[in-house]
Amino acid sequence: EQHLASLEGKKTKEFSAANRATTLSNAVSTLSN
């Protein structure tokens, strides 16, 4: 949601690249299980 908000030019707390990568990796791992 925050990534989309930033693309739409809204002021938002953007996740750091490292934080985002970790979040995505954990999510993919969960769905893979």
ModelCIF file with pLDDT and N, C-alpha, C, O atoms, coordinates in Angstrom:
data_MODEL
#
_entry.id   MODEL 
#
_entity.id                         1 
_entity.type                       polymer 
_entity.pdbx_number_of_molecules   1 
#
_entity_poly.entity_id                      1 
_entity_poly.type                           'polypeptide(L)' 
_entity_poly.nstd_linkage                   no 
_entity_poly.nstd_monomer                   no 
_entity_poly.pdbx_seq_one_letter_code       EQHLASLEGKKTKEFSAANRATTLSNAVSTLSN 
_entity_poly.pdbx_seq_one_letter_code_can   EQHLASLEGKKTKEFSAANRATTLSNAVSTLSN 
_entity_poly.pdbx_strand_id                 A 
#
loop_
_entity_poly_seq.entity_id 
_entity_poly_seq.num 
_entity_poly_seq.mon_id 
_entity_poly_seq.hetero 
1 1  GLU n 
1 2  GLN n 
1 3  HIS n 
1 4  LEU n 
1 5  ALA n 
1 6  SER n 
1 7  LEU n 
1 8  GLU n 
1 9  GLY n 
1 10 LYS n 
1 11 LYS n 
1 12 THR n 
1 13 LYS n 
1 14 GLU n 
1 15 PHE n 
1 16 SER n 
1 17 ALA n 
1 18 ALA n 
1 19 ASN n 
1 20 ARG n 
1 21 ALA n 
1 22 THR n 
1 23 THR n 
1 24 LEU n 
1 25 SER n 
1 26 ASN n 
1 27 ALA n 
1 28 VAL n 
1 29 SER n 
1 30 THR n 
1 31 LEU n 
1 32 SER n 
1 33 ASN n 
#
_struct_asym.id          A 
_struct_asym.entity_id   1 
#
loop_
_ma_qa_metric.id 
_ma_qa_metric.mode 
_ma_qa_metric.name 
_ma_qa_metric.software_group_id 
_ma_qa_metric.type 
1 global pLDDT . pLDDT 
2 local  pLDDT . pLDDT 
#
_ma_qa_metric_global.metric_id      1 
_ma_qa_metric_global.metric_value   83.58 
_ma_qa_metric_global.model_id       1 
_ma_qa_metric_global.ordinal_id     1 
#
loop_
_ma_qa_metric_local.label_asym_id 
_ma_qa_metric_local.label_comp_id 
_ma_qa_metric_local.label_seq_id 
_ma_qa_metric_local.metric_id 
_ma_qa_metric_local.metric_value 
_ma_qa_metric_local.model_id 
_ma_qa_metric_local.ordinal_id 
A GLU 1  2 93.00 1 1  
A GLN 2  2 91.00 1 2  
A HIS 3  2 91.00 1 3  
A LEU 4  2 93.00 1 4  
A ALA 5  2 91.00 1 5  
A SER 6  2 89.00 1 6  
A LEU 7  2 90.00 1 7  
A GLU 8  2 90.00 1 8  
A GLY 9  2 87.00 1 9  
A LYS 10 2 84.00 1 10 
A LYS 11 2 76.00 1 11 
A THR 12 2 70.00 1 12 
A LYS 13 2 71.00 1 13 
A GLU 14 2 67.00 1 14 
A PHE 15 2 68.00 1 15 
A SER 16 2 73.00 1 16 
A ALA 17 2 74.00 1 17 
A ALA 18 2 77.00 1 18 
A ASN 19 2 81.00 1 19 
A ARG 20 2 82.00 1 20 
A ALA 21 2 82.00 1 21 
A THR 22 2 86.00 1 22 
A THR 23 2 85.00 1 23 
A LEU 24 2 85.00 1 24 
A SER 25 2 86.00 1 25 
A ASN 26 2 87.00 1 26 
A ALA 27 2 84.00 1 27 
A VAL 28 2 86.00 1 28 
A SER 29 2 87.00 1 29 
A THR 30 2 88.00 1 30 
A LEU 31 2 90.00 1 31 
A SER 32 2 87.00 1 32 
A ASN 33 2 87.00 1 33 
#
loop_
_atom_site.group_PDB 
_atom_site.id 
_atom_site.type_symbol 
_atom_site.label_atom_id 
_atom_site.label_alt_id 
_atom_site.label_comp_id 
_atom_site.label_asym_id 
_atom_site.label_entity_id 
_atom_site.label_seq_id 
_atom_site.pdbx_PDB_ins_code 
_atom_site.Cartn_x 
_atom_site.Cartn_y 
_atom_site.Cartn_z 
_atom_site.occupancy 
_atom_site.B_iso_or_equiv 
_atom_site.pdbx_formal_charge 
_atom_site.auth_seq_id 
_atom_site.auth_comp_id 
_atom_site.auth_asym_id 
_atom_site.auth_atom_id 
_atom_site.pdbx_PDB_model_num 
ATOM 1   N N  . GLU A 1 1  ? 0.834  -1.212  0.000  1.00 93.00 ? 1  GLU A N  1 
ATOM 2   C CA . GLU A 1 1  ? 0.000  0.000   0.000  1.00 93.00 ? 1  GLU A CA 1 
ATOM 3   C C  . GLU A 1 1  ? 0.868  1.262   0.000  1.00 93.00 ? 1  GLU A C  1 
ATOM 4   O O  . GLU A 1 1  ? 0.560  2.230   -0.696 1.00 93.00 ? 1  GLU A O  1 
ATOM 5   N N  . GLN A 1 2  ? 1.953  1.250   0.782  1.00 91.00 ? 2  GLN A N  1 
ATOM 6   C CA . GLN A 1 2  ? 2.810  2.430   0.852  1.00 91.00 ? 2  GLN A CA 1 
ATOM 7   C C  . GLN A 1 2  ? 3.563  2.654   -0.461 1.00 91.00 ? 2  GLN A C  1 
ATOM 8   O O  . GLN A 1 2  ? 3.801  3.795   -0.856 1.00 91.00 ? 2  GLN A O  1 
ATOM 9   N N  . HIS A 1 3  ? 3.934  1.573   -1.127 1.00 91.00 ? 3  HIS A N  1 
ATOM 10  C CA . HIS A 1 3  ? 4.614  1.707   -2.420 1.00 91.00 ? 3  HIS A CA 1 
ATOM 11  C C  . HIS A 1 3  ? 3.680  2.351   -3.447 1.00 91.00 ? 3  HIS A C  1 
ATOM 12  O O  . HIS A 1 3  ? 4.093  3.239   -4.193 1.00 91.00 ? 3  HIS A O  1 
ATOM 13  N N  . LEU A 1 4  ? 2.421  1.902   -3.485 1.00 93.00 ? 4  LEU A N  1 
ATOM 14  C CA . LEU A 1 4  ? 1.455  2.487   -4.418 1.00 93.00 ? 4  LEU A CA 1 
ATOM 15  C C  . LEU A 1 4  ? 1.219  3.963   -4.080 1.00 93.00 ? 4  LEU A C  1 
ATOM 16  O O  . LEU A 1 4  ? 1.152  4.812   -4.969 1.00 93.00 ? 4  LEU A O  1 
ATOM 17  N N  . ALA A 1 5  ? 1.096  4.250   -2.789 1.00 91.00 ? 5  ALA A N  1 
ATOM 18  C CA . ALA A 1 5  ? 0.877  5.642   -2.361 1.00 91.00 ? 5  ALA A CA 1 
ATOM 19  C C  . ALA A 1 5  ? 2.017  6.538   -2.833 1.00 91.00 ? 5  ALA A C  1 
ATOM 20  O O  . ALA A 1 5  ? 1.788  7.667   -3.267 1.00 91.00 ? 5  ALA A O  1 
ATOM 21  N N  . SER A 1 6  ? 3.247  6.030   -2.747 1.00 89.00 ? 6  SER A N  1 
ATOM 22  C CA . SER A 1 6  ? 4.399  6.837   -3.178 1.00 89.00 ? 6  SER A CA 1 
ATOM 23  C C  . SER A 1 6  ? 4.373  7.065   -4.687 1.00 89.00 ? 6  SER A C  1 
ATOM 24  O O  . SER A 1 6  ? 4.753  8.135   -5.163 1.00 89.00 ? 6  SER A O  1 
ATOM 25  N N  . LEU A 1 7  ? 3.916  6.038   -5.454 1.00 90.00 ? 7  LEU A N  1 
ATOM 26  C CA . LEU A 1 7  ? 3.800  6.193   -6.914 1.00 90.00 ? 7  LEU A CA 1 
ATOM 27  C C  . LEU A 1 7  ? 2.730  7.221   -7.271 1.00 90.00 ? 7  LEU A C  1 
ATOM 28  O O  . LEU A 1 7  ? 2.817  7.898   -8.295 1.00 90.00 ? 7  LEU A O  1 
ATOM 29  N N  . GLU A 1 8  ? 1.718  7.326   -6.406 1.00 90.00 ? 8  GLU A N  1 
ATOM 30  C CA . GLU A 1 8  ? 0.632  8.280   -6.647 1.00 90.00 ? 8  GLU A CA 1 
ATOM 31  C C  . GLU A 1 8  ? 0.971  9.674   -6.132 1.00 90.00 ? 8  GLU A C  1 
ATOM 32  O O  . GLU A 1 8  ? 0.156  10.594  -6.210 1.00 90.00 ? 8  GLU A O  1 
ATOM 33  N N  . GLY A 1 9  ? 2.192  9.817   -5.602 1.00 87.00 ? 9  GLY A N  1 
ATOM 34  C CA . GLY A 1 9  ? 2.645  11.134  -5.148 1.00 87.00 ? 9  GLY A CA 1 
ATOM 35  C C  . GLY A 1 9  ? 2.142  11.517  -3.778 1.00 87.00 ? 9  GLY A C  1 
ATOM 36  O O  . GLY A 1 9  ? 2.219  12.686  -3.399 1.00 87.00 ? 9  GLY A O  1 
ATOM 37  N N  . LYS A 1 10 ? 1.633  10.574  -3.034 1.00 84.00 ? 10 LYS A N  1 
ATOM 38  C CA . LYS A 1 10 ? 1.141  10.877  -1.685 1.00 84.00 ? 10 LYS A CA 1 
ATOM 39  C C  . LYS A 1 10 ? 2.294  10.801  -0.693 1.00 84.00 ? 10 LYS A C  1 
ATOM 40  O O  . LYS A 1 10 ? 3.229  10.017  -0.856 1.00 84.00 ? 10 LYS A O  1 
ATOM 41  N N  . LYS A 1 11 ? 2.204  11.625  0.326  1.00 76.00 ? 11 LYS A N  1 
ATOM 42  C CA . LYS A 1 11 ? 3.235  11.590  1.368  1.00 76.00 ? 11 LYS A CA 1 
ATOM 43  C C  . LYS A 1 11 ? 3.026  10.346  2.220  1.00 76.00 ? 11 LYS A C  1 
ATOM 44  O O  . LYS A 1 11 ? 1.946  10.125  2.768  1.00 76.00 ? 11 LYS A O  1 
ATOM 45  N N  . THR A 1 12 ? 4.055  9.556   2.321  1.00 70.00 ? 12 THR A N  1 
ATOM 46  C CA . THR A 1 12 ? 3.922  8.301   3.060  1.00 70.00 ? 12 THR A CA 1 
ATOM 47  C C  . THR A 1 12 ? 5.267  7.880   3.614  1.00 70.00 ? 12 THR A C  1 
ATOM 48  O O  . THR A 1 12 ? 6.313  8.303   3.122  1.00 70.00 ? 12 THR A O  1 
ATOM 49  N N  . LYS A 1 13 ? 5.235  7.055   4.629  1.00 71.00 ? 13 LYS A N  1 
ATOM 50  C CA . LYS A 1 13 ? 6.469  6.487   5.179  1.00 71.00 ? 13 LYS A CA 1 
ATOM 51  C C  . LYS A 1 13 ? 6.887  5.330   4.265  1.00 71.00 ? 13 LYS A C  1 
ATOM 52  O O  . LYS A 1 13 ? 6.304  4.247   4.317  1.00 71.00 ? 13 LYS A O  1 
ATOM 53  N N  . GLU A 1 14 ? 7.884  5.567   3.443  1.00 67.00 ? 14 GLU A N  1 
ATOM 54  C CA . GLU A 1 14 ? 8.337  4.547   2.494  1.00 67.00 ? 14 GLU A CA 1 
ATOM 55  C C  . GLU A 1 14 ? 9.234  3.546   3.223  1.00 67.00 ? 14 GLU A C  1 
ATOM 56  O O  . GLU A 1 14 ? 10.099 3.936   4.008  1.00 67.00 ? 14 GLU A O  1 
ATOM 57  N N  . PHE A 1 15 ? 9.027  2.277   2.964  1.00 68.00 ? 15 PHE A N  1 
ATOM 58  C CA . PHE A 1 15 ? 9.887  1.232   3.535  1.00 68.00 ? 15 PHE A CA 1 
ATOM 59  C C  . PHE A 1 15 ? 11.288 1.376   2.936  1.00 68.00 ? 15 PHE A C  1 
ATOM 60  O O  . PHE A 1 15 ? 11.428 1.743   1.770  1.00 68.00 ? 15 PHE A O  1 
ATOM 61  N N  . SER A 1 16 ? 12.310 1.093   3.717  1.00 73.00 ? 16 SER A N  1 
ATOM 62  C CA . SER A 1 16 ? 13.662 1.074   3.144  1.00 73.00 ? 16 SER A CA 1 
ATOM 63  C C  . SER A 1 16 ? 13.757 -0.117  2.199  1.00 73.00 ? 16 SER A C  1 
ATOM 64  O O  . SER A 1 16 ? 13.006 -1.083  2.330  1.00 73.00 ? 16 SER A O  1 
ATOM 65  N N  . ALA A 1 17 ? 14.679 -0.044  1.249  1.00 74.00 ? 17 ALA A N  1 
ATOM 66  C CA . ALA A 1 17 ? 14.835 -1.117  0.257  1.00 74.00 ? 17 ALA A CA 1 
ATOM 67  C C  . ALA A 1 17 ? 15.115 -2.450  0.955  1.00 74.00 ? 17 ALA A C  1 
ATOM 68  O O  . ALA A 1 17 ? 14.578 -3.489  0.573  1.00 74.00 ? 17 ALA A O  1 
ATOM 69  N N  . ALA A 1 18 ? 15.965 -2.400  1.984  1.00 77.00 ? 18 ALA A N  1 
ATOM 70  C CA . ALA A 1 18 ? 16.327 -3.635  2.702  1.00 77.00 ? 18 ALA A CA 1 
ATOM 71  C C  . ALA A 1 18 ? 15.116 -4.199  3.447  1.00 77.00 ? 18 ALA A C  1 
ATOM 72  O O  . ALA A 1 18 ? 14.870 -5.405  3.437  1.00 77.00 ? 18 ALA A O  1 
ATOM 73  N N  . ASN A 1 19 ? 14.367 -3.300  4.092  1.00 81.00 ? 19 ASN A N  1 
ATOM 74  C CA . ASN A 1 19 ? 13.176 -3.711  4.849  1.00 81.00 ? 19 ASN A CA 1 
ATOM 75  C C  . ASN A 1 19 ? 12.135 -4.316  3.910  1.00 81.00 ? 19 ASN A C  1 
ATOM 76  O O  . ASN A 1 19 ? 11.519 -5.339  4.209  1.00 81.00 ? 19 ASN A O  1 
ATOM 77  N N  . ARG A 1 20 ? 11.958 -3.650  2.759  1.00 82.00 ? 20 ARG A N  1 
ATOM 78  C CA . ARG A 1 20 ? 10.982 -4.127  1.773  1.00 82.00 ? 20 ARG A CA 1 
ATOM 79  C C  . ARG A 1 20 ? 11.375 -5.501  1.236  1.00 82.00 ? 20 ARG A C  1 
ATOM 80  O O  . ARG A 1 20 ? 10.528 -6.380  1.081  1.00 82.00 ? 20 ARG A O  1 
ATOM 81  N N  . ALA A 1 21 ? 12.660 -5.676  0.956  1.00 82.00 ? 21 ALA A N  1 
ATOM 82  C CA . ALA A 1 21 ? 13.153 -6.959  0.421  1.00 82.00 ? 21 ALA A CA 1 
ATOM 83  C C  . ALA A 1 21 ? 12.920 -8.087  1.428  1.00 82.00 ? 21 ALA A C  1 
ATOM 84  O O  . ALA A 1 21 ? 12.526 -9.195  1.062  1.00 82.00 ? 21 ALA A O  1 
ATOM 85  N N  . THR A 1 22 ? 13.172 -7.781  2.705  1.00 86.00 ? 22 THR A N  1 
ATOM 86  C CA . THR A 1 22 ? 12.976 -8.793  3.756  1.00 86.00 ? 22 THR A CA 1 
ATOM 87  C C  . THR A 1 22 ? 11.500 -9.160  3.889  1.00 86.00 ? 22 THR A C  1 
ATOM 88  O O  . THR A 1 22 ? 11.145 -10.334 3.998  1.00 86.00 ? 22 THR A O  1 
ATOM 89  N N  . THR A 1 23 ? 10.645 -8.133  3.879  1.00 85.00 ? 23 THR A N  1 
ATOM 90  C CA . THR A 1 23 ? 9.190  -8.351  3.989  1.00 85.00 ? 23 THR A CA 1 
ATOM 91  C C  . THR A 1 23 ? 8.686  -9.203  2.833  1.00 85.00 ? 23 THR A C  1 
ATOM 92  O O  . THR A 1 23 ? 7.905  -10.136 3.022  1.00 85.00 ? 23 THR A O  1 
ATOM 93  N N  . LEU A 1 24 ? 9.150  -8.862  1.624  1.00 85.00 ? 24 LEU A N  1 
ATOM 94  C CA . LEU A 1 24 ? 8.725  -9.608  0.435  1.00 85.00 ? 24 LEU A CA 1 
ATOM 95  C C  . LEU A 1 24 ? 9.229  -11.045 0.492  1.00 85.00 ? 24 LEU A C  1 
ATOM 96  O O  . LEU A 1 24 ? 8.495  -11.982 0.177  1.00 85.00 ? 24 LEU A O  1 
ATOM 97  N N  . SER A 1 25 ? 10.476 -11.211 0.893  1.00 86.00 ? 25 SER A N  1 
ATOM 98  C CA . SER A 1 25 ? 11.072 -12.554 0.973  1.00 86.00 ? 25 SER A CA 1 
ATOM 99  C C  . SER A 1 25 ? 10.312 -13.438 1.971  1.00 86.00 ? 25 SER A C  1 
ATOM 100 O O  . SER A 1 25 ? 10.056 -14.611 1.700  1.00 86.00 ? 25 SER A O  1 
ATOM 101 N N  . ASN A 1 26 ? 9.955  -12.865 3.125  1.00 87.00 ? 26 ASN A N  1 
ATOM 102 C CA . ASN A 1 26 ? 9.203  -13.614 4.139  1.00 87.00 ? 26 ASN A CA 1 
ATOM 103 C C  . ASN A 1 26 ? 7.819  -14.012 3.619  1.00 87.00 ? 26 ASN A C  1 
ATOM 104 O O  . ASN A 1 26 ? 7.335  -15.118 3.861  1.00 87.00 ? 26 ASN A O  1 
ATOM 105 N N  . ALA A 1 27 ? 7.198  -13.071 2.894  1.00 84.00 ? 27 ALA A N  1 
ATOM 106 C CA . ALA A 1 27 ? 5.855  -13.335 2.365  1.00 84.00 ? 27 ALA A CA 1 
ATOM 107 C C  . ALA A 1 27 ? 5.890  -14.451 1.325  1.00 84.00 ? 27 ALA A C  1 
ATOM 108 O O  . ALA A 1 27 ? 5.062  -15.362 1.347  1.00 84.00 ? 27 ALA A O  1 
ATOM 109 N N  . VAL A 1 28 ? 6.854  -14.370 0.419  1.00 86.00 ? 28 VAL A N  1 
ATOM 110 C CA . VAL A 1 28 ? 6.977  -15.389 -0.628 1.00 86.00 ? 28 VAL A CA 1 
ATOM 111 C C  . VAL A 1 28 ? 7.265  -16.753 -0.005 1.00 86.00 ? 28 VAL A C  1 
ATOM 112 O O  . VAL A 1 28 ? 6.738  -17.773 -0.450 1.00 86.00 ? 28 VAL A O  1 
ATOM 113 N N  . SER A 1 29 ? 8.106  -16.759 1.030  1.00 87.00 ? 29 SER A N  1 
ATOM 114 C CA . SER A 1 29 ? 8.425  -18.016 1.725  1.00 87.00 ? 29 SER A CA 1 
ATOM 115 C C  . SER A 1 29 ? 7.171  -18.621 2.367  1.00 87.00 ? 29 SER A C  1 
ATOM 116 O O  . SER A 1 29 ? 6.949  -19.829 2.299  1.00 87.00 ? 29 SER A O  1 
ATOM 117 N N  . THR A 1 30 ? 6.355  -17.760 2.992  1.00 88.00 ? 30 THR A N  1 
ATOM 118 C CA . THR A 1 30 ? 5.117  -18.229 3.634  1.00 88.00 ? 30 THR A CA 1 
ATOM 119 C C  . THR A 1 30 ? 4.163  -18.822 2.597  1.00 88.00 ? 30 THR A C  1 
ATOM 120 O O  . THR A 1 30 ? 3.609  -19.903 2.800  1.00 88.00 ? 30 THR A O  1 
ATOM 121 N N  . LEU A 1 31 ? 3.974  -18.104 1.479  1.00 90.00 ? 31 LEU A N  1 
ATOM 122 C CA . LEU A 1 31 ? 3.055  -18.584 0.442  1.00 90.00 ? 31 LEU A CA 1 
ATOM 123 C C  . LEU A 1 31 ? 3.609  -19.832 -0.254 1.00 90.00 ? 31 LEU A C  1 
ATOM 124 O O  . LEU A 1 31 ? 2.849  -20.692 -0.699 1.00 90.00 ? 31 LEU A O  1 
ATOM 125 N N  . SER A 1 32 ? 4.929  -19.921 -0.342 1.00 87.00 ? 32 SER A N  1 
ATOM 126 C CA . SER A 1 32 ? 5.544  -21.125 -0.922 1.00 87.00 ? 32 SER A CA 1 
ATOM 127 C C  . SER A 1 32 ? 5.270  -22.340 -0.046 1.00 87.00 ? 32 SER A C  1 
ATOM 128 O O  . SER A 1 32 ? 5.040  -23.440 -0.548 1.00 87.00 ? 32 SER A O  1 
ATOM 129 N N  . ASN A 1 33 ? 5.297  -22.131 1.280  1.00 87.00 ? 33 ASN A N  1 
ATOM 130 C CA . ASN A 1 33 ? 4.970  -23.229 2.207  1.00 87.00 ? 33 ASN A CA 1 
ATOM 131 C C  . ASN A 1 33 ? 3.517  -23.666 2.040  1.00 87.00 ? 33 ASN A C  1 
ATOM 132 O O  . ASN A 1 33 ? 3.063  -24.576 2.734  1.00 87.00 ? 33 ASN A O  1 
#
